[in-house]
Amino acid sequence: MALDRAEALAAALGCLASAGAAECIELAAGNFLTEVPDGDLHVRSQVPHNWDDQNARRIAGNCARAARPGGLLVVIKYALPSAPEPAAT
């Protein structure tokens, strides 16, 4: 399941449909600052850098509360170089 703002999901649905993957994922409109759907795995990619520490902890806490027993939260964060570099292959 993908959770995002309704307007972001509208764009995502078009991308998923053009890739033939619209039937492979459930989309849910919501706000992860208030709650997230239950799950075994919550993945947050490039999210924490957009929020101050208090809201980053709030998002992680919402994921922890929504995690099923043994559930995981995976945070994906990567640093970009200060100067342009060729893409990694």
C-alpha atoms as a PDB file:
ATOM      1  CA  MET A   1       0.000   0.000   0.000  1.00  0.00           C
ATOM      2  CA  ALA A   2       1.238   3.484  -0.804  1.00  0.00           C
ATOM      3  CA  LEU A   3       0.192   6.364   1.440  1.00  0.00           C
ATOM      4  CA  ASP A   4       0.460   9.927   0.169  1.00  0.00           C
ATOM      5  CA  ARG A   5      -1.517  13.100  -0.397  1.00  0.00           C
ATOM      6  CA  ALA A   6      -4.493  12.663  -2.732  1.00  0.00           C
ATOM      7  CA  GLU A   7      -2.977  14.911  -5.414  1.00  0.00           C
ATOM      8  CA  ALA A   8       0.278  12.938  -5.370  1.00  0.00           C
ATOM      9  CA  LEU A   9      -1.614   9.670  -5.686  1.00  0.00           C
ATOM     10  CA  ALA A  10      -3.510  10.972  -8.721  1.00  0.00           C
ATOM     11  CA  ALA A  11      -0.193  11.499 -10.505  1.00  0.00           C
ATOM     12  CA  ALA A  12       1.142   8.162  -9.267  1.00  0.00           C
ATOM     13  CA  LEU A  13      -1.866   6.284 -10.619  1.00  0.00           C
ATOM     14  CA  GLY A  14      -1.118   7.553 -14.129  1.00  0.00           C
ATOM     15  CA  CYS A  15       2.520   6.467 -13.871  1.00  0.00           C
ATOM     16  CA  LEU A  16       1.555   3.064 -12.503  1.00  0.00           C
ATOM     17  CA  ALA A  17      -1.051   2.580 -15.230  1.00  0.00           C
ATOM     18  CA  SER A  18       1.401   3.465 -18.009  1.00  0.00           C
ATOM     19  CA  ALA A  19       3.838   0.925 -16.550  1.00  0.00           C
ATOM     20  CA  GLY A  20       1.120  -1.744 -16.379  1.00  0.00           C
ATOM     21  CA  ALA A  21       1.387  -1.870 -12.588  1.00  0.00           C
ATOM     22  CA  ALA A  22      -1.798  -0.095 -11.474  1.00  0.00           C
ATOM     23  CA  GLU A  23      -3.340  -3.370 -10.309  1.00  0.00           C
ATOM     24  CA  CYS A  24      -0.255  -4.320  -8.279  1.00  0.00           C
ATOM     25  CA  ILE A  25      -0.498  -1.712  -5.542  1.00  0.00           C
ATOM     26  CA  GLU A  26      -3.185  -0.215  -3.345  1.00  0.00           C
ATOM     27  CA  LEU A  27      -3.098   3.563  -2.995  1.00  0.00           C
ATOM     28  CA  ALA A  28      -4.401   5.317   0.121  1.00  0.00           C
ATOM     29  CA  ALA A  29      -4.786   9.043   0.638  1.00  0.00           C
ATOM     30  CA  GLY A  30      -3.678  10.248   4.020  1.00  0.00           C
ATOM     31  CA  ASN A  31      -1.234  12.188   6.140  1.00  0.00           C
ATOM     32  CA  PHE A  32       1.569  10.275   7.852  1.00  0.00           C
ATOM     33  CA  LEU A  33       1.828  13.057  10.430  1.00  0.00           C
ATOM     34  CA  THR A  34      -1.477  11.841  11.862  1.00  0.00           C
ATOM     35  CA  GLU A  35      -1.509   8.093  11.173  1.00  0.00           C
ATOM     36  CA  VAL A  36      -0.360   5.390   8.801  1.00  0.00           C
ATOM     37  CA  PRO A  37      -2.013   2.107   7.823  1.00  0.00           C
ATOM     38  CA  ASP A  38      -1.137  -1.081   9.702  1.00  0.00           C
ATOM     39  CA  GLY A  39       1.587  -3.147   8.117  1.00  0.00           C
ATOM     40  CA  ASP A  40       4.505  -5.505   8.450  1.00  0.00           C
ATOM     41  CA  LEU A  41       6.928  -3.112   6.762  1.00  0.00           C
ATOM     42  CA  HIS A  42       6.876   0.666   6.564  1.00  0.00           C
ATOM     43  CA  VAL A  43       9.354   2.283   4.174  1.00  0.00           C
ATOM     44  CA  ARG A  44      10.149   5.984   4.283  1.00  0.00           C
ATOM     45  CA  SER A  45      12.380   7.113   1.453  1.00  0.00           C
ATOM     46  CA  GLN A  46      13.807  10.621   1.440  1.00  0.00           C
ATOM     47  CA  VAL A  47      11.173  11.765   3.953  1.00  0.00           C
ATOM     48  CA  PRO A  48      13.075  12.706   7.141  1.00  0.00           C
ATOM     49  CA  HIS A  49      15.081  15.502   5.537  1.00  0.00           C
ATOM     50  CA  ASN A  50      11.871  17.427   4.809  1.00  0.00           C
ATOM     51  CA  TRP A  51      10.843  17.650   8.459  1.00  0.00           C
ATOM     52  CA  ASP A  52      12.187  19.082  11.675  1.00  0.00           C
ATOM     53  CA  ASP A  53      13.215  16.641  14.420  1.00  0.00           C
ATOM     54  CA  GLN A  54       9.847  16.760  16.196  1.00  0.00           C
ATOM     55  CA  ASN A  55       7.867  15.840  13.075  1.00  0.00           C
ATOM     56  CA  ALA A  56      10.426  13.239  11.968  1.00  0.00           C
ATOM     57  CA  ARG A  57       9.970  11.541  15.375  1.00  0.00           C
ATOM     58  CA  ARG A  58       6.197  11.867  15.004  1.00  0.00           C
ATOM     59  CA  ILE A  59       6.272  10.107  11.614  1.00  0.00           C
ATOM     60  CA  ALA A  60       8.489   7.320  12.993  1.00  0.00           C
ATOM     61  CA  GLY A  61       6.211   6.985  16.034  1.00  0.00           C
ATOM     62  CA  ASN A  62       3.130   6.671  13.830  1.00  0.00           C
ATOM     63  CA  CYS A  63       4.882   3.927  11.869  1.00  0.00           C
ATOM     64  CA  ALA A  64       5.845   2.147  15.100  1.00  0.00           C
ATOM     65  CA  ARG A  65       2.253   2.250  16.387  1.00  0.00           C
ATOM     66  CA  ALA A  66       0.953   0.927  13.055  1.00  0.00           C
ATOM     67  CA  ALA A  67       3.520  -1.890  12.859  1.00  0.00           C
ATOM     68  CA  ARG A  68       2.233  -5.382  13.365  1.00  0.00           C
ATOM     69  CA  PRO A  69       4.168  -7.581  15.816  1.00  0.00           C
ATOM     70  CA  GLY A  70       7.682  -8.010  14.430  1.00  0.00           C
ATOM     71  CA  GLY A  71       7.092  -5.178  11.950  1.00  0.00           C
ATOM     72  CA  LEU A  72       9.893  -3.005  10.634  1.00  0.00           C
ATOM     73  CA  LEU A  73      10.481   0.610   9.698  1.00  0.00           C
ATOM     74  CA  VAL A  74      13.075   1.098   6.958  1.00  0.00           C
ATOM     75  CA  VAL A  75      14.348   4.623   6.389  1.00  0.00           C
ATOM     76  CA  ILE A  76      16.139   5.233   3.105  1.00  0.00           C
ATOM     77  CA  LYS A  77      18.297   8.321   3.067  1.00  0.00           C
ATOM     78  CA  TYR A  78      21.235   9.103   0.859  1.00  0.00           C
ATOM     79  CA  ALA A  79      23.526  12.075   0.674  1.00  0.00           C
ATOM     80  CA  LEU A  80      23.970  13.863  -2.612  1.00  0.00           C
ATOM     81  CA  PRO A  81      27.373  15.255  -3.561  1.00  0.00           C
ATOM     82  CA  SER A  82      27.849  19.001  -3.255  1.00  0.00           C
ATOM     83  CA  ALA A  83      29.067  19.193  -6.853  1.00  0.00           C
ATOM     84  CA  PRO A  84      27.483  17.415  -9.824  1.00  0.00           C
ATOM     85  CA  GLU A  85      28.993  13.991 -10.480  1.00  0.00           C
ATOM     86  CA  PRO A  86      28.274  11.319 -13.074  1.00  0.00           C
ATOM     87  CA  ALA A  87      25.459   8.958 -12.160  1.00  0.00           C
ATOM     88  CA  ALA A  88      26.471   5.757 -10.395  1.00  0.00           C
ATOM     89  CA  THR A  89      26.078   2.637 -12.491  1.00  0.00           C
END
